[in-house]
Amino acid sequence: MNIRGGDELGMEVKVEKATSAWSSKFEIMYSDTMPAEIKKGDLNPRWGLKHDVTFHIVTELDSKRYLDMLAPDRFVIKTPNGFKTQSFYFDGLSKTIKSSSND
């Protein structure tokens, strides 16, 4: 089989007659040898962050203030206040840091 296209999530796979050149290759992975599904609290060794565990981003200055999200594209440094806008978590599936106040 010759499969044309890239390797993007949700991308349609088109299978064409085999030619001498392959545009994509796949590997067979048996379910009993697959890595365990990531669970809350599991440490991602590549990124050094725990999956789905709340944390704060704190300045290293003497004030020890927190990063606070005012809008999805606007951050400021504020005194800790307990609001969810100062809490973040690592989504190990998408490999992104998300705000606890809104994803």
PDB file of N, CA and C in Angstrom:
ATOM      1  N   MET A   1       0.834  -1.177   0.000  1.00  0.00           N
ATOM      2  CA  MET A   1       0.000   0.000   0.000  1.00  0.00           C
ATOM      3  C   MET A   1       0.877   1.238   0.000  1.00  0.00           C
ATOM      4  N   ASN A   2       0.445   2.231  -0.718  1.00  0.00           N
ATOM      5  CA  ASN A   2       1.118   3.517  -0.714  1.00  0.00           C
ATOM      6  C   ASN A   2       0.184   4.511  -0.043  1.00  0.00           C
ATOM      7  N   ILE A   3       0.629   5.095   1.042  1.00  0.00           N
ATOM      8  CA  ILE A   3      -0.210   6.016   1.791  1.00  0.00           C
ATOM      9  C   ILE A   3       0.346   7.416   1.615  1.00  0.00           C
ATOM     10  N   ARG A   4      -0.455   8.297   1.038  1.00  0.00           N
ATOM     11  CA  ARG A   4      -0.025   9.670   0.761  1.00  0.00           C
ATOM     12  C   ARG A   4      -0.430  10.588   1.902  1.00  0.00           C
ATOM     13  N   GLY A   5       0.391  11.585   2.182  1.00  0.00           N
ATOM     14  CA  GLY A   5       0.028  12.584   3.172  1.00  0.00           C
ATOM     15  C   GLY A   5       1.058  12.698   4.278  1.00  0.00           C
ATOM     16  N   GLY A   6       0.695  13.453   5.290  1.00  0.00           N
ATOM     17  CA  GLY A   6       1.596  13.703   6.416  1.00  0.00           C
ATOM     18  C   GLY A   6       1.253  12.843   7.607  1.00  0.00           C
ATOM     19  N   ASP A   7       1.587  13.364   8.768  1.00  0.00           N
ATOM     20  CA  ASP A   7       1.386  12.635  10.013  1.00  0.00           C
ATOM     21  C   ASP A   7       0.688  13.556  11.009  1.00  0.00           C
ATOM     22  N   GLU A   8      -0.446  14.099  10.631  1.00  0.00           N
ATOM     23  CA  GLU A   8      -1.162  15.047  11.471  1.00  0.00           C
ATOM     24  C   GLU A   8      -2.338  14.357  12.147  1.00  0.00           C
ATOM     25  N   LEU A   9      -2.600  14.743  13.388  1.00  0.00           N
ATOM     26  CA  LEU A   9      -3.687  14.159  14.154  1.00  0.00           C
ATOM     27  C   LEU A   9      -5.017  14.380  13.440  1.00  0.00           C
ATOM     28  N   GLY A  10      -5.776  13.332  13.260  1.00  0.00           N
ATOM     29  CA  GLY A  10      -7.091  13.423  12.628  1.00  0.00           C
ATOM     30  C   GLY A  10      -7.064  13.497  11.118  1.00  0.00           C
ATOM     31  N   MET A  11      -5.889  13.413  10.521  1.00  0.00           N
ATOM     32  CA  MET A  11      -5.774  13.512   9.073  1.00  0.00           C
ATOM     33  C   MET A  11      -6.275  12.230   8.414  1.00  0.00           C
ATOM     34  N   GLU A  12      -7.000  12.386   7.333  1.00  0.00           N
ATOM     35  CA  GLU A  12      -7.503  11.224   6.593  1.00  0.00           C
ATOM     36  C   GLU A  12      -6.342  10.476   5.956  1.00  0.00           C
ATOM     37  N   VAL A  13      -6.391   9.155   6.028  1.00  0.00           N
ATOM     38  CA  VAL A  13      -5.366   8.320   5.416  1.00  0.00           C
ATOM     39  C   VAL A  13      -5.912   7.821   4.089  1.00  0.00           C
ATOM     40  N   LYS A  14      -5.190   8.133   3.011  1.00  0.00           N
ATOM     41  CA  LYS A  14      -5.605   7.694   1.679  1.00  0.00           C
ATOM     42  C   LYS A  14      -4.693   6.555   1.250  1.00  0.00           C
ATOM     43  N   VAL A  15      -5.290   5.448   0.889  1.00  0.00           N
ATOM     44  CA  VAL A  15      -4.530   4.269   0.487  1.00  0.00           C
ATOM     45  C   VAL A  15      -4.645   4.128  -1.025  1.00  0.00           C
ATOM     46  N   GLU A  16      -3.486   4.057  -1.679  1.00  0.00           N
ATOM     47  CA  GLU A  16      -3.447   3.929  -3.134  1.00  0.00           C
ATOM     48  C   GLU A  16      -2.673   2.669  -3.500  1.00  0.00           C
ATOM     49  N   LYS A  17      -2.701   2.310  -4.774  1.00  0.00           N
ATOM     50  CA  LYS A  17      -1.929   1.153  -5.235  1.00  0.00           C
ATOM     51  C   LYS A  17      -0.455   1.356  -4.920  1.00  0.00           C
ATOM     52  N   ALA A  18       0.191   0.266  -4.622  1.00  0.00           N
ATOM     53  CA  ALA A  18       1.609   0.328  -4.266  1.00  0.00           C
ATOM     54  C   ALA A  18       2.447   0.798  -5.446  1.00  0.00           C
ATOM     55  N   THR A  19       3.402   1.626  -5.145  1.00  0.00           N
ATOM     56  CA  THR A  19       4.395   2.055  -6.121  1.00  0.00           C
ATOM     57  C   THR A  19       5.756   1.773  -5.513  1.00  0.00           C
ATOM     58  N   SER A  20       6.783   2.186  -6.195  1.00  0.00           N
ATOM     59  CA  SER A  20       8.125   1.924  -5.669  1.00  0.00           C
ATOM     60  C   SER A  20       8.497   2.873  -4.531  1.00  0.00           C
ATOM     61  N   ALA A  21       7.744   3.970  -4.357  1.00  0.00           N
ATOM     62  CA  ALA A  21       8.074   4.940  -3.301  1.00  0.00           C
ATOM     63  C   ALA A  21       6.956   4.991  -2.269  1.00  0.00           C
ATOM     64  N   TRP A  22       7.332   4.975  -0.998  1.00  0.00           N
ATOM     65  CA  TRP A  22       6.378   5.089   0.099  1.00  0.00           C
ATOM     66  C   TRP A  22       6.416   6.520   0.619  1.00  0.00           C
ATOM     67  N   SER A  23       5.245   7.092   0.881  1.00  0.00           N
ATOM     68  CA  SER A  23       5.228   8.432   1.454  1.00  0.00           C
ATOM     69  C   SER A  23       5.037   8.370   2.970  1.00  0.00           C
ATOM     70  N   SER A  24       4.508   7.278   3.494  1.00  0.00           N
ATOM     71  CA  SER A  24       4.355   7.083   4.937  1.00  0.00           C
ATOM     72  C   SER A  24       4.563   5.608   5.246  1.00  0.00           C
ATOM     73  N   LYS A  25       5.096   5.354   6.426  1.00  0.00           N
ATOM     74  CA  LYS A  25       5.288   3.978   6.867  1.00  0.00           C
ATOM     75  C   LYS A  25       4.676   3.830   8.238  1.00  0.00           C
ATOM     76  N   PHE A  26       4.197   2.641   8.544  1.00  0.00           N
ATOM     77  CA  PHE A  26       3.582   2.357   9.828  1.00  0.00           C
ATOM     78  C   PHE A  26       4.276   1.171  10.459  1.00  0.00           C
ATOM     79  N   GLU A  27       4.171   1.099  11.755  1.00  0.00           N
ATOM     80  CA  GLU A  27       4.754  -0.007  12.501  1.00  0.00           C
ATOM     81  C   GLU A  27       3.625  -0.695  13.262  1.00  0.00           C
ATOM     82  N   ILE A  28       3.700  -2.002  13.368  1.00  0.00           N
ATOM     83  CA  ILE A  28       2.721  -2.766  14.136  1.00  0.00           C
ATOM     84  C   ILE A  28       3.165  -2.758  15.594  1.00  0.00           C
ATOM     85  N   MET A  29       2.239  -2.375  16.502  1.00  0.00           N
ATOM     86  CA  MET A  29       2.554  -2.374  17.926  1.00  0.00           C
ATOM     87  C   MET A  29       1.461  -3.172  18.630  1.00  0.00           C
ATOM     88  N   TYR A  30       1.845  -4.278  19.239  1.00  0.00           N
ATOM     89  CA  TYR A  30       0.885  -5.117  19.934  1.00  0.00           C
ATOM     90  C   TYR A  30       0.476  -4.462  21.251  1.00  0.00           C
ATOM     91  N   SER A  31      -0.782  -4.604  21.602  1.00  0.00           N
ATOM     92  CA  SER A  31      -1.322  -3.903  22.771  1.00  0.00           C
ATOM     93  C   SER A  31      -0.627  -4.297  24.075  1.00  0.00           C
ATOM     94  N   ASP A  32      -0.113  -5.515  24.163  1.00  0.00           N
ATOM     95  CA  ASP A  32       0.547  -5.913  25.409  1.00  0.00           C
ATOM     96  C   ASP A  32       1.957  -5.336  25.537  1.00  0.00           C
ATOM     97  N   THR A  33       2.477  -4.694  24.483  1.00  0.00           N
ATOM     98  CA  THR A  33       3.797  -4.071  24.552  1.00  0.00           C
ATOM     99  C   THR A  33       3.719  -2.541  24.490  1.00  0.00           C
ATOM    100  N   MET A  34       2.510  -1.998  24.423  1.00  0.00           N
ATOM    101  CA  MET A  34       2.352  -0.546  24.360  1.00  0.00           C
ATOM    102  C   MET A  34       2.657   0.069  25.722  1.00  0.00           C
ATOM    103  N   PRO A  35       3.157   1.320  25.723  1.00  0.00           N
ATOM    104  CA  PRO A  35       3.397   1.975  27.006  1.00  0.00           C
ATOM    105  C   PRO A  35       2.086   2.188  27.753  1.00  0.00           C
ATOM    106  N   ALA A  36       2.180   2.224  29.072  1.00  0.00           N
ATOM    107  CA  ALA A  36       0.983   2.404  29.890  1.00  0.00           C
ATOM    108  C   ALA A  36       0.364   3.770  29.613  1.00  0.00           C
ATOM    109  N   GLU A  37      -0.953   3.831  29.723  1.00  0.00           N
ATOM    110  CA  GLU A  37      -1.655   5.093  29.522  1.00  0.00           C
ATOM    111  C   GLU A  37      -1.280   6.051  30.643  1.00  0.00           C
ATOM    112  N   ILE A  38      -1.054   7.301  30.283  1.00  0.00           N
ATOM    113  CA  ILE A  38      -0.646   8.295  31.269  1.00  0.00           C
ATOM    114  C   ILE A  38      -1.798   8.589  32.227  1.00  0.00           C
ATOM    115  N   LYS A  39      -1.468   8.674  33.522  1.00  0.00           N
ATOM    116  CA  LYS A  39      -2.482   8.911  34.549  1.00  0.00           C
ATOM    117  C   LYS A  39      -2.133  10.175  35.306  1.00  0.00           C
ATOM    118  N   LYS A  40      -3.113  10.713  36.025  1.00  0.00           N
ATOM    119  CA  LYS A  40      -2.896  11.910  36.827  1.00  0.00           C
ATOM    120  C   LYS A  40      -1.735  11.682  37.789  1.00  0.00           C
ATOM    121  N   GLY A  41      -0.803  12.626  37.821  1.00  0.00           N
ATOM    122  CA  GLY A  41       0.339  12.542  38.713  1.00  0.00           C
ATOM    123  C   GLY A  41       1.568  11.889  38.117  1.00  0.00           C
ATOM    124  N   ASP A  42       1.426  11.231  36.953  1.00  0.00           N
ATOM    125  CA  ASP A  42       2.582  10.601  36.314  1.00  0.00           C
ATOM    126  C   ASP A  42       3.543  11.679  35.823  1.00  0.00           C
ATOM    127  N   LEU A  43       4.825  11.477  36.041  1.00  0.00           N
ATOM    128  CA  LEU A  43       5.849  12.419  35.608  1.00  0.00           C
ATOM    129  C   LEU A  43       6.217  12.151  34.163  1.00  0.00           C
ATOM    130  N   ASN A  44       6.189  13.196  33.342  1.00  0.00           N
ATOM    131  CA  ASN A  44       6.639  13.079  31.969  1.00  0.00           C
ATOM    132  C   ASN A  44       8.153  13.287  31.982  1.00  0.00           C
ATOM    133  N   PRO A  45       8.953  12.250  31.706  1.00  0.00           N
ATOM    134  CA  PRO A  45      10.405  12.365  31.832  1.00  0.00           C
ATOM    135  C   PRO A  45      11.018  13.376  30.860  1.00  0.00           C
ATOM    136  N   ARG A  46      10.412  13.548  29.717  1.00  0.00           N
ATOM    137  CA  ARG A  46      10.961  14.485  28.733  1.00  0.00           C
ATOM    138  C   ARG A  46      10.768  15.935  29.168  1.00  0.00           C
ATOM    139  N   TRP A  47       9.606  16.241  29.742  1.00  0.00           N
ATOM    140  CA  TRP A  47       9.286  17.616  30.102  1.00  0.00           C
ATOM    141  C   TRP A  47       9.499  17.907  31.585  1.00  0.00           C
ATOM    142  N   GLY A  48       9.596  16.878  32.411  1.00  0.00           N
ATOM    143  CA  GLY A  48       9.845  17.072  33.836  1.00  0.00           C
ATOM    144  C   GLY A  48       8.652  17.631  34.590  1.00  0.00           C
ATOM    145  N   LEU A  49       7.456  17.436  34.060  1.00  0.00           N
ATOM    146  CA  LEU A  49       6.228  17.923  34.689  1.00  0.00           C
ATOM    147  C   LEU A  49       5.283  16.759  34.940  1.00  0.00           C
ATOM    148  N   LYS A  50       4.505  16.859  36.016  1.00  0.00           N
ATOM    149  CA  LYS A  50       3.519  15.821  36.327  1.00  0.00           C
ATOM    150  C   LYS A  50       2.225  16.106  35.575  1.00  0.00           C
ATOM    151  N   HIS A  51       1.616  15.051  35.040  1.00  0.00           N
ATOM    152  CA  HIS A  51       0.384  15.160  34.276  1.00  0.00           C
ATOM    153  C   HIS A  51      -0.793  15.504  35.181  1.00  0.00           C
ATOM    154  N   ASP A  52      -1.528  16.551  34.822  1.00  0.00           N
ATOM    155  CA  ASP A  52      -2.794  16.934  35.456  1.00  0.00           C
ATOM    156  C   ASP A  52      -2.666  17.205  36.960  1.00  0.00           C
ATOM    157  N   VAL A  53      -1.546  17.814  37.379  1.00  0.00           N
ATOM    158  CA  VAL A  53      -1.347  18.199  38.772  1.00  0.00           C
ATOM    159  C   VAL A  53      -1.168  19.719  38.812  1.00  0.00           C
ATOM    160  N   THR A  54      -1.959  20.396  39.642  1.00  0.00           N
ATOM    161  CA  THR A  54      -1.943  21.851  39.718  1.00  0.00           C
ATOM    162  C   THR A  54      -0.624  22.375  40.276  1.00  0.00           C
ATOM    163  N   PHE A  55      -0.139  23.466  39.667  1.00  0.00           N
ATOM    164  CA  PHE A  55       1.066  24.131  40.166  1.00  0.00           C
ATOM    165  C   PHE A  55       0.940  25.635  39.931  1.00  0.00           C
ATOM    166  N   HIS A  56       1.842  26.398  40.532  1.00  0.00           N
ATOM    167  CA  HIS A  56       1.906  27.846  40.365  1.00  0.00           C
ATOM    168  C   HIS A  56       3.254  28.188  39.747  1.00  0.00           C
ATOM    169  N   ILE A  57       3.286  29.232  38.956  1.00  0.00           N
ATOM    170  CA  ILE A  57       4.540  29.722  38.395  1.00  0.00           C
ATOM    171  C   ILE A  57       4.938  30.934  39.231  1.00  0.00           C
ATOM    172  N   VAL A  58       6.059  30.803  39.960  1.00  0.00           N
ATOM    173  CA  VAL A  58       6.463  31.793  40.955  1.00  0.00           C
ATOM    174  C   VAL A  58       7.762  32.467  40.515  1.00  0.00           C
ATOM    175  N   THR A  59       7.830  33.797  40.682  1.00  0.00           N
ATOM    176  CA  THR A  59       9.058  34.514  40.335  1.00  0.00           C
ATOM    177  C   THR A  59      10.177  34.103  41.281  1.00  0.00           C
ATOM    178  N   GLU A  60      11.396  34.190  40.805  1.00  0.00           N
ATOM    179  CA  GLU A  60      12.547  33.894  41.657  1.00  0.00           C
ATOM    180  C   GLU A  60      13.021  35.143  42.389  1.00  0.00           C
ATOM    181  N   LEU A  61      12.320  36.250  42.222  1.00  0.00           N
ATOM    182  CA  LEU A  61      12.652  37.472  42.938  1.00  0.00           C
ATOM    183  C   LEU A  61      12.251  37.330  44.398  1.00  0.00           C
ATOM    184  N   ASP A  62      12.695  38.244  45.246  1.00  0.00           N
ATOM    185  CA  ASP A  62      12.392  38.178  46.682  1.00  0.00           C
ATOM    186  C   ASP A  62      10.886  38.206  46.964  1.00  0.00           C
ATOM    187  N   SER A  63      10.116  38.835  46.077  1.00  0.00           N
ATOM    188  CA  SER A  63       8.661  38.963  46.300  1.00  0.00           C
ATOM    189  C   SER A  63       7.935  37.623  46.209  1.00  0.00           C
ATOM    190  N   LYS A  64       8.483  36.669  45.440  1.00  0.00           N
ATOM    191  CA  LYS A  64       7.866  35.347  45.239  1.00  0.00           C
ATOM    192  C   LYS A  64       6.407  35.478  44.759  1.00  0.00           C
ATOM    193  N   ARG A  65       6.148  36.427  43.885  1.00  0.00           N
ATOM    194  CA  ARG A  65       4.797  36.621  43.347  1.00  0.00           C
ATOM    195  C   ARG A  65       4.491  35.564  42.291  1.00  0.00           C
ATOM    196  N   TYR A  66       3.182  35.421  42.003  1.00  0.00           N
ATOM    197  CA  TYR A  66       2.715  34.394  41.076  1.00  0.00           C
ATOM    198  C   TYR A  66       2.387  34.986  39.715  1.00  0.00           C
ATOM    199  N   LEU A  67       2.525  34.154  38.685  1.00  0.00           N
ATOM    200  CA  LEU A  67       2.044  34.513  37.362  1.00  0.00           C
ATOM    201  C   LEU A  67       0.529  34.399  37.388  1.00  0.00           C
ATOM    202  N   ASP A  68      -0.157  35.405  36.875  1.00  0.00           N
ATOM    203  CA  ASP A  68      -1.624  35.446  36.888  1.00  0.00           C
ATOM    204  C   ASP A  68      -2.111  35.704  35.472  1.00  0.00           C
ATOM    205  N   MET A  69      -3.091  34.935  35.017  1.00  0.00           N
ATOM    206  CA  MET A  69      -3.626  35.083  33.674  1.00  0.00           C
ATOM    207  C   MET A  69      -4.845  36.005  33.705  1.00  0.00           C
ATOM    208  N   LEU A  70      -4.728  37.193  33.085  1.00  0.00           N
ATOM    209  CA  LEU A  70      -5.858  38.121  33.004  1.00  0.00           C
ATOM    210  C   LEU A  70      -6.757  37.785  31.821  1.00  0.00           C
ATOM    211  N   ALA A  71      -6.167  37.350  30.735  1.00  0.00           N
ATOM    212  CA  ALA A  71      -6.874  36.956  29.507  1.00  0.00           C
ATOM    213  C   ALA A  71      -6.020  35.866  28.860  1.00  0.00           C
ATOM    214  N   PRO A  72      -6.567  35.135  27.889  1.00  0.00           N
ATOM    215  CA  PRO A  72      -5.791  34.043  27.282  1.00  0.00           C
ATOM    216  C   PRO A  72      -4.431  34.478  26.724  1.00  0.00           C
ATOM    217  N   ASP A  73      -4.273  35.739  26.403  1.00  0.00           N
ATOM    218  CA  ASP A  73      -3.004  36.203  25.859  1.00  0.00           C
ATOM    219  C   ASP A  73      -2.366  37.307  26.711  1.00  0.00           C
ATOM    220  N   ARG A  74      -2.803  37.416  27.978  1.00  0.00           N
ATOM    221  CA  ARG A  74      -2.284  38.485  28.837  1.00  0.00           C
ATOM    222  C   ARG A  74      -1.984  37.945  30.235  1.00  0.00           C
ATOM    223  N   PHE A  75      -0.708  38.028  30.621  1.00  0.00           N
ATOM    224  CA  PHE A  75      -0.251  37.553  31.924  1.00  0.00           C
ATOM    225  C   PHE A  75       0.393  38.701  32.689  1.00  0.00           C
ATOM    226  N   VAL A  76       0.247  38.695  34.006  1.00  0.00           N
ATOM    227  CA  VAL A  76       0.877  39.676  34.884  1.00  0.00           C
ATOM    228  C   VAL A  76       1.415  38.952  36.109  1.00  0.00           C
ATOM    229  N   ILE A  77       2.263  39.660  36.878  1.00  0.00           N
ATOM    230  CA  ILE A  77       2.787  39.110  38.125  1.00  0.00           C
ATOM    231  C   ILE A  77       1.995  39.733  39.261  1.00  0.00           C
ATOM    232  N   LYS A  78       1.425  38.881  40.135  1.00  0.00           N
ATOM    233  CA  LYS A  78       0.592  39.361  41.244  1.00  0.00           C
ATOM    234  C   LYS A  78       0.938  38.625  42.541  1.00  0.00           C
ATOM    235  N   THR A  79       0.523  39.231  43.640  1.00  0.00           N
ATOM    236  CA  THR A  79       0.633  38.598  44.944  1.00  0.00           C
ATOM    237  C   THR A  79      -0.280  37.365  44.951  1.00  0.00           C
ATOM    238  N   PRO A  80       0.124  36.263  45.562  1.00  0.00           N
ATOM    239  CA  PRO A  80      -0.745  35.079  45.622  1.00  0.00           C
ATOM    240  C   PRO A  80      -2.108  35.434  46.222  1.00  0.00           C
ATOM    241  N   ASN A  81      -3.186  35.003  45.537  1.00  0.00           N
ATOM    242  CA  ASN A  81      -4.530  35.341  46.006  1.00  0.00           C
ATOM    243  C   ASN A  81      -5.487  34.151  46.027  1.00  0.00           C
ATOM    244  N   GLY A  82      -5.030  32.972  45.629  1.00  0.00           N
ATOM    245  CA  GLY A  82      -5.874  31.783  45.676  1.00  0.00           C
ATOM    246  C   GLY A  82      -6.821  31.621  44.497  1.00  0.00           C
ATOM    247  N   PHE A  83      -6.789  32.568  43.536  1.00  0.00           N
ATOM    248  CA  PHE A  83      -7.671  32.461  42.372  1.00  0.00           C
ATOM    249  C   PHE A  83      -7.146  31.405  41.402  1.00  0.00           C
ATOM    250  N   LYS A  84      -8.056  30.800  40.662  1.00  0.00           N
ATOM    251  CA  LYS A  84      -7.667  29.776  39.688  1.00  0.00           C
ATOM    252  C   LYS A  84      -6.830  30.348  38.551  1.00  0.00           C
ATOM    253  N   THR A  85      -6.883  31.667  38.360  1.00  0.00           N
ATOM    254  CA  THR A  85      -6.092  32.287  37.289  1.00  0.00           C
ATOM    255  C   THR A  85      -4.595  32.237  37.593  1.00  0.00           C
ATOM    256  N   GLN A  86      -4.233  31.853  38.817  1.00  0.00           N
ATOM    257  CA  GLN A  86      -2.825  31.699  39.190  1.00  0.00           C
ATOM    258  C   GLN A  86      -2.409  30.234  39.253  1.00  0.00           C
ATOM    259  N   SER A  87      -3.315  29.339  38.900  1.00  0.00           N
ATOM    260  CA  SER A  87      -3.032  27.900  38.931  1.00  0.00           C
ATOM    261  C   SER A  87      -2.969  27.355  37.513  1.00  0.00           C
ATOM    262  N   PHE A  88      -2.031  26.475  37.298  1.00  0.00           N
ATOM    263  CA  PHE A  88      -1.827  25.867  35.984  1.00  0.00           C
ATOM    264  C   PHE A  88      -1.636  24.364  36.153  1.00  0.00           C
ATOM    265  N   TYR A  89      -1.743  23.633  35.050  1.00  0.00           N
ATOM    266  CA  TYR A  89      -1.458  22.194  35.064  1.00  0.00           C
ATOM    267  C   TYR A  89      -0.892  21.784  33.720  1.00  0.00           C
ATOM    268  N   PHE A  90      -0.135  20.714  33.710  1.00  0.00           N
ATOM    269  CA  PHE A  90       0.459  20.174  32.493  1.00  0.00           C
ATOM    270  C   PHE A  90      -0.446  19.088  31.941  1.00  0.00           C
ATOM    271  N   ASP A  91      -0.875  19.244  30.698  1.00  0.00           N
ATOM    272  CA  ASP A  91      -1.663  18.220  30.014  1.00  0.00           C
ATOM    273  C   ASP A  91      -0.671  17.332  29.265  1.00  0.00           C
ATOM    274  N   GLY A  92      -0.410  16.160  29.818  1.00  0.00           N
ATOM    275  CA  GLY A  92       0.571  15.251  29.243  1.00  0.00           C
ATOM    276  C   GLY A  92       0.171  14.685  27.900  1.00  0.00           C
ATOM    277  N   LEU A  93      -1.104  14.732  27.560  1.00  0.00           N
ATOM    278  CA  LEU A  93      -1.549  14.207  26.274  1.00  0.00           C
ATOM    279  C   LEU A  93      -1.271  15.204  25.148  1.00  0.00           C
ATOM    280  N   SER A  94      -1.571  16.481  25.379  1.00  0.00           N
ATOM    281  CA  SER A  94      -1.326  17.499  24.358  1.00  0.00           C
ATOM    282  C   SER A  94       0.043  18.146  24.524  1.00  0.00           C
ATOM    283  N   LYS A  95       0.738  17.844  25.634  1.00  0.00           N
ATOM    284  CA  LYS A  95       2.061  18.398  25.940  1.00  0.00           C
ATOM    285  C   LYS A  95       2.013  19.920  26.047  1.00  0.00           C
ATOM    286  N   THR A  96       0.976  20.440  26.706  1.00  0.00           N
ATOM    287  CA  THR A  96       0.827  21.883  26.895  1.00  0.00           C
ATOM    288  C   THR A  96       0.521  22.199  28.348  1.00  0.00           C
ATOM    289  N   ILE A  97       0.881  23.414  28.753  1.00  0.00           N
ATOM    290  CA  ILE A  97       0.514  23.906  30.076  1.00  0.00           C
ATOM    291  C   ILE A  97      -0.780  24.686  29.909  1.00  0.00           C
ATOM    292  N   LYS A  98      -1.759  24.361  30.752  1.00  0.00           N
ATOM    293  CA  LYS A  98      -3.080  24.982  30.662  1.00  0.00           C
ATOM    294  C   LYS A  98      -3.418  25.663  31.974  1.00  0.00           C
ATOM    295  N   SER A  99      -4.274  26.682  31.890  1.00  0.00           N
ATOM    296  CA  SER A  99      -4.736  27.379  33.071  1.00  0.00           C
ATOM    297  C   SER A  99      -5.838  26.576  33.745  1.00  0.00           C
ATOM    298  N   SER A 100      -5.854  26.587  35.064  1.00  0.00           N
ATOM    299  CA  SER A 100      -6.920  25.895  35.805  1.00  0.00           C
ATOM    300  C   SER A 100      -8.245  26.646  35.702  1.00  0.00           C
ATOM    301  N   SER A 101      -8.186  27.939  35.357  1.00  0.00           N
ATOM    302  CA  SER A 101      -9.416  28.732  35.281  1.00  0.00           C
ATOM    303  C   SER A 101     -10.194  28.458  34.002  1.00  0.00           C
ATOM    304  N   ASN A 102      -9.486  28.232  32.905  1.00  0.00           N
ATOM    305  CA  ASN A 102     -10.120  27.832  31.640  1.00  0.00           C
ATOM    306  C   ASN A 102      -9.034  27.211  30.761  1.00  0.00           C
ATOM    307  N   ASP A 103      -9.359  26.157  30.109  1.00  0.00           N
ATOM    308  CA  ASP A 103      -8.336  25.452  29.299  1.00  0.00           C
ATOM    309  C   ASP A 103      -7.944  26.247  28.083  1.00  0.00           C
TER     310      ASP A 103
END
